[in-house]
C-alpha cells in the first residue's frame, strides 16, 4: 500500500502538465471524508443503536450524535433531538475507508454503471449517496429489514470543480461516462 506522500507525488505528476503546478503542495489532495446518516423520525431505540453500531463497523470509528439545530413544530422536532450520526475520517483511516469504498463496496451495488460526476459543490467537494449500508462487507446481510442509507462527502483542497474531478478520477473514482 502506498503512503500518503507517494500518492500526493503521483497526483502532482499526473496533474502538473494540465494545471501548471510547480510545487507538490499546489496540487489538490484529500483533506477528510465525512460520513453522515440521518435517523429521521425513528423513535425505536434498537434501530438507532443499530445505525450507530453499523456506522462504527463500517468506518472503524465511533460516530458522533447530531442534534436538531432548532425546533420545527410541523415535523415534531425539538431543538437538540437526535437527527443523525456523523463520522469524520482523516489520515490513514480516511485512505483505508476510501480504498474499501472504491474497490469493494461500490462495485457491489446493484446495477452498478458508475457514480454520478455532477455531485460536486463549488468548493471542490464530492458527495456520494449510498442507499444501502449492506454493500460493505462488515455488515451482516441477514438483517435486510433494517437497511439504511448514508452520505459520504470527500473534502478536497481543490480550487475548482475541474481540479477536484481530475483528482478523484486519478484516485480511482469510477465516474459515469
Protein backbone atom coordinates (compact mmCIF):
# COMPACT_ATOMS: atom_id res chain seq x y z
CA UNK A 1 0.00 0.00 0.00
CA UNK A 2 1.31 3.41 -0.93
CA UNK A 3 1.97 6.09 1.63
CA UNK A 4 0.27 9.47 1.56
CA UNK A 5 3.46 11.15 0.29
CA UNK A 6 3.71 8.72 -2.62
CA UNK A 7 0.04 9.26 -3.52
CA UNK A 8 0.49 13.05 -3.35
CA UNK A 9 3.54 12.82 -5.62
CA UNK A 10 1.61 10.70 -8.14
CA UNK A 11 -1.26 13.19 -8.22
CA UNK A 12 1.24 16.02 -8.71
CA UNK A 13 2.98 14.19 -11.56
CA UNK A 14 -0.35 13.42 -13.25
CA UNK A 15 -1.85 16.91 -12.97
CA UNK A 16 1.15 19.27 -13.23
CA UNK A 17 1.03 19.43 -17.03
CA UNK A 18 -2.68 20.20 -17.17
CA UNK A 19 -2.86 22.78 -14.39
CA UNK A 20 0.71 24.13 -14.39
CA UNK A 21 1.69 23.16 -10.86
CA UNK A 22 5.31 23.86 -9.94
CA UNK A 23 5.23 22.54 -6.37
CA UNK A 24 3.80 19.31 -4.90
CA UNK A 25 1.81 21.31 -2.36
CA UNK A 26 -0.05 23.21 -5.08
CA UNK A 27 -1.72 20.02 -6.27
CA UNK A 28 -5.08 19.22 -4.65
CA UNK A 29 -5.29 16.45 -2.08
CA UNK A 30 -7.86 14.83 0.16
CA UNK A 31 -8.49 16.71 3.38
CA UNK A 32 -11.08 14.48 5.09
CA UNK A 33 -14.05 12.20 4.49
CA UNK A 34 -17.30 12.82 6.34
CA UNK A 35 -19.88 10.04 6.61
CA UNK A 36 -23.32 11.09 7.82
CA UNK A 37 -26.51 9.12 8.35
CA UNK A 38 -29.85 10.54 9.41
CA UNK A 39 -32.23 8.68 11.68
CA UNK A 40 -35.28 10.61 10.50
CA UNK A 41 -38.38 10.14 12.61
CA UNK A 42 -37.19 6.85 14.08
CA UNK A 43 -38.07 6.65 17.77
CA UNK A 44 -37.09 2.98 18.10
CA UNK A 45 -34.01 2.84 20.32
CA UNK A 46 -32.90 -0.50 18.84
CA UNK A 47 -32.93 0.89 15.29
CA UNK A 48 -30.90 3.94 16.39
CA UNK A 49 -28.38 1.68 18.14
CA UNK A 50 -28.21 -0.50 15.01
CA UNK A 51 -27.39 2.53 12.83
CA UNK A 52 -24.74 3.66 15.30
CA UNK A 53 -23.22 0.17 15.51
CA UNK A 54 -23.15 -0.37 11.73
CA UNK A 55 -21.53 3.03 11.10
CA UNK A 56 -18.87 2.21 13.68
CA UNK A 57 -18.18 -1.14 11.99
CA UNK A 58 -18.04 0.36 8.51
CA UNK A 59 -15.74 3.28 9.39
CA UNK A 60 -13.74 1.82 12.27
CA UNK A 61 -14.57 4.84 14.41
CA UNK A 62 -17.42 5.68 16.77
CA UNK A 63 -19.97 8.06 15.21
CA UNK A 64 -20.87 11.35 16.88
CA UNK A 65 -24.51 12.16 17.59
CA UNK A 66 -26.00 15.16 15.80
CA UNK A 67 -28.99 17.03 17.17
CA UNK A 68 -31.56 19.34 15.62
CA UNK A 69 -30.37 22.95 15.45
CA UNK A 70 -33.81 24.38 16.01
CA UNK A 71 -37.36 23.28 16.75
CA UNK A 72 -39.77 22.70 13.85
CA UNK A 73 -43.31 22.11 15.06
CA UNK A 74 -44.70 20.72 11.79
CA UNK A 75 -42.06 17.95 11.86
CA UNK A 76 -42.47 17.41 15.63
CA UNK A 77 -38.76 18.05 16.14
CA UNK A 78 -37.41 19.86 19.18
CA UNK A 79 -34.06 21.59 19.43
CA UNK A 80 -31.44 19.05 20.47
CA UNK A 81 -33.41 15.95 19.38
CA UNK A 82 -31.24 13.28 17.78
CA UNK A 83 -31.36 13.66 13.98
CA UNK A 84 -28.41 11.57 12.87
CA UNK A 85 -24.82 10.42 13.24
CA UNK A 86 -21.62 11.69 11.69
CA UNK A 87 -18.09 10.31 11.38
CA UNK A 88 -15.09 12.35 10.22
CA UNK A 89 -12.12 10.37 8.92
CA UNK A 90 -8.63 11.76 8.36
CA UNK A 91 -5.20 10.30 7.63
CA UNK A 92 -4.74 6.56 7.44
CA UNK A 93 -8.35 5.70 8.32
CA UNK A 94 -9.55 8.03 5.56
CA UNK A 95 -7.38 6.32 2.95
CA UNK A 96 -8.35 2.82 4.16
CA UNK A 97 -12.06 3.71 4.02
CA UNK A 98 -11.68 5.24 0.55
CA UNK A 99 -9.87 2.15 -0.70
CA UNK A 100 -12.60 -0.12 0.72
CA UNK A 101 -15.32 2.12 -0.74
CA UNK A 102 -13.83 2.17 -4.26
CA UNK A 103 -12.64 -1.43 -4.56
CA UNK A 104 -15.17 -3.44 -2.56
CA UNK A 105 -18.35 -1.55 -1.68
CA UNK A 106 -19.27 0.49 -4.77
CA UNK A 107 -18.84 -2.41 -7.23
CA UNK A 108 -21.21 -4.49 -5.02
CA UNK A 109 -24.13 -2.11 -5.61
CA UNK A 110 -26.97 -3.41 -7.71
CA UNK A 111 -26.84 -2.49 -11.44
CA UNK A 112 -23.62 -0.52 -10.98
CA UNK A 113 -22.67 1.59 -14.01
CA UNK A 114 -20.54 4.24 -12.34
CA UNK A 115 -21.12 7.05 -9.89
CA UNK A 116 -22.57 10.41 -10.95
CA UNK A 117 -19.98 13.02 -11.87
CA UNK A 118 -22.17 16.03 -11.14
CA UNK A 119 -22.24 15.83 -7.33
CA UNK A 120 -19.50 18.42 -6.75
CA UNK A 121 -20.11 21.59 -4.78
CA UNK A 122 -18.48 24.95 -5.54
CA UNK A 123 -15.52 24.27 -3.22
CA UNK A 124 -14.47 21.08 -4.98
CA UNK A 125 -16.00 18.60 -2.52
CA UNK A 126 -17.79 15.48 -3.73
CA UNK A 127 -20.84 13.94 -2.04
CA UNK A 128 -21.97 10.41 -2.80
CA UNK A 129 -25.22 8.95 -1.51
CA UNK A 130 -25.24 5.27 -0.61
CA UNK A 131 -28.72 3.75 -0.48
CA UNK A 132 -27.91 0.51 1.34
CA UNK A 133 -25.31 0.05 4.04
CA UNK A 134 -25.22 -3.68 3.26
CA UNK A 135 -22.76 -3.18 0.39
CA UNK A 136 -19.97 -3.06 2.96
CA UNK A 137 -18.59 -6.48 3.97
CA UNK A 138 -18.56 -5.66 7.71
CA UNK A 139 -22.34 -5.51 7.90
CA UNK A 140 -24.34 -8.69 8.19
CA UNK A 141 -26.66 -9.40 5.29
CA UNK A 142 -29.18 -11.37 7.35
CA UNK A 143 -31.00 -8.28 8.64
CA UNK A 144 -32.38 -6.93 5.38
CA UNK A 145 -35.34 -5.20 7.02
CA UNK A 146 -33.09 -2.72 8.83
CA UNK A 147 -31.35 -1.23 5.80
CA UNK A 148 -30.38 2.44 5.94
CA UNK A 149 -28.52 4.82 3.67
CA UNK A 150 -25.90 7.44 4.32
CA UNK A 151 -23.88 10.14 2.59
CA UNK A 152 -20.14 10.15 2.01
CA UNK A 153 -18.57 13.58 1.47
CA UNK A 154 -14.99 13.66 0.16
CA UNK A 155 -13.45 17.01 1.10
CA UNK A 156 -10.58 18.14 -1.13
CA UNK A 157 -8.29 21.15 -1.30
CA UNK A 158 -9.08 21.70 -4.99
CA UNK A 159 -9.80 25.26 -6.07
CA UNK A 160 -12.28 24.32 -8.80
CA UNK A 161 -14.65 21.55 -9.77
CA UNK A 162 -12.42 20.54 -12.69
CA UNK A 163 -9.38 20.10 -10.43
CA UNK A 164 -11.44 18.08 -7.94
CA UNK A 165 -12.83 15.86 -10.72
CA UNK A 166 -9.29 15.28 -12.07
CA UNK A 167 -8.02 14.43 -8.58
CA UNK A 168 -10.80 11.96 -7.83
CA UNK A 169 -10.53 10.38 -11.30
CA UNK A 170 -6.81 9.89 -10.69
CA UNK A 171 -7.56 8.32 -7.29
CA UNK A 172 -9.82 5.76 -8.99
CA UNK A 173 -13.39 7.06 -8.66
CA UNK A 174 -15.49 5.22 -11.30
CA UNK A 175 -17.45 8.17 -12.75
CA UNK A 176 -20.15 7.58 -15.38
CA UNK A 177 -19.02 8.33 -18.90
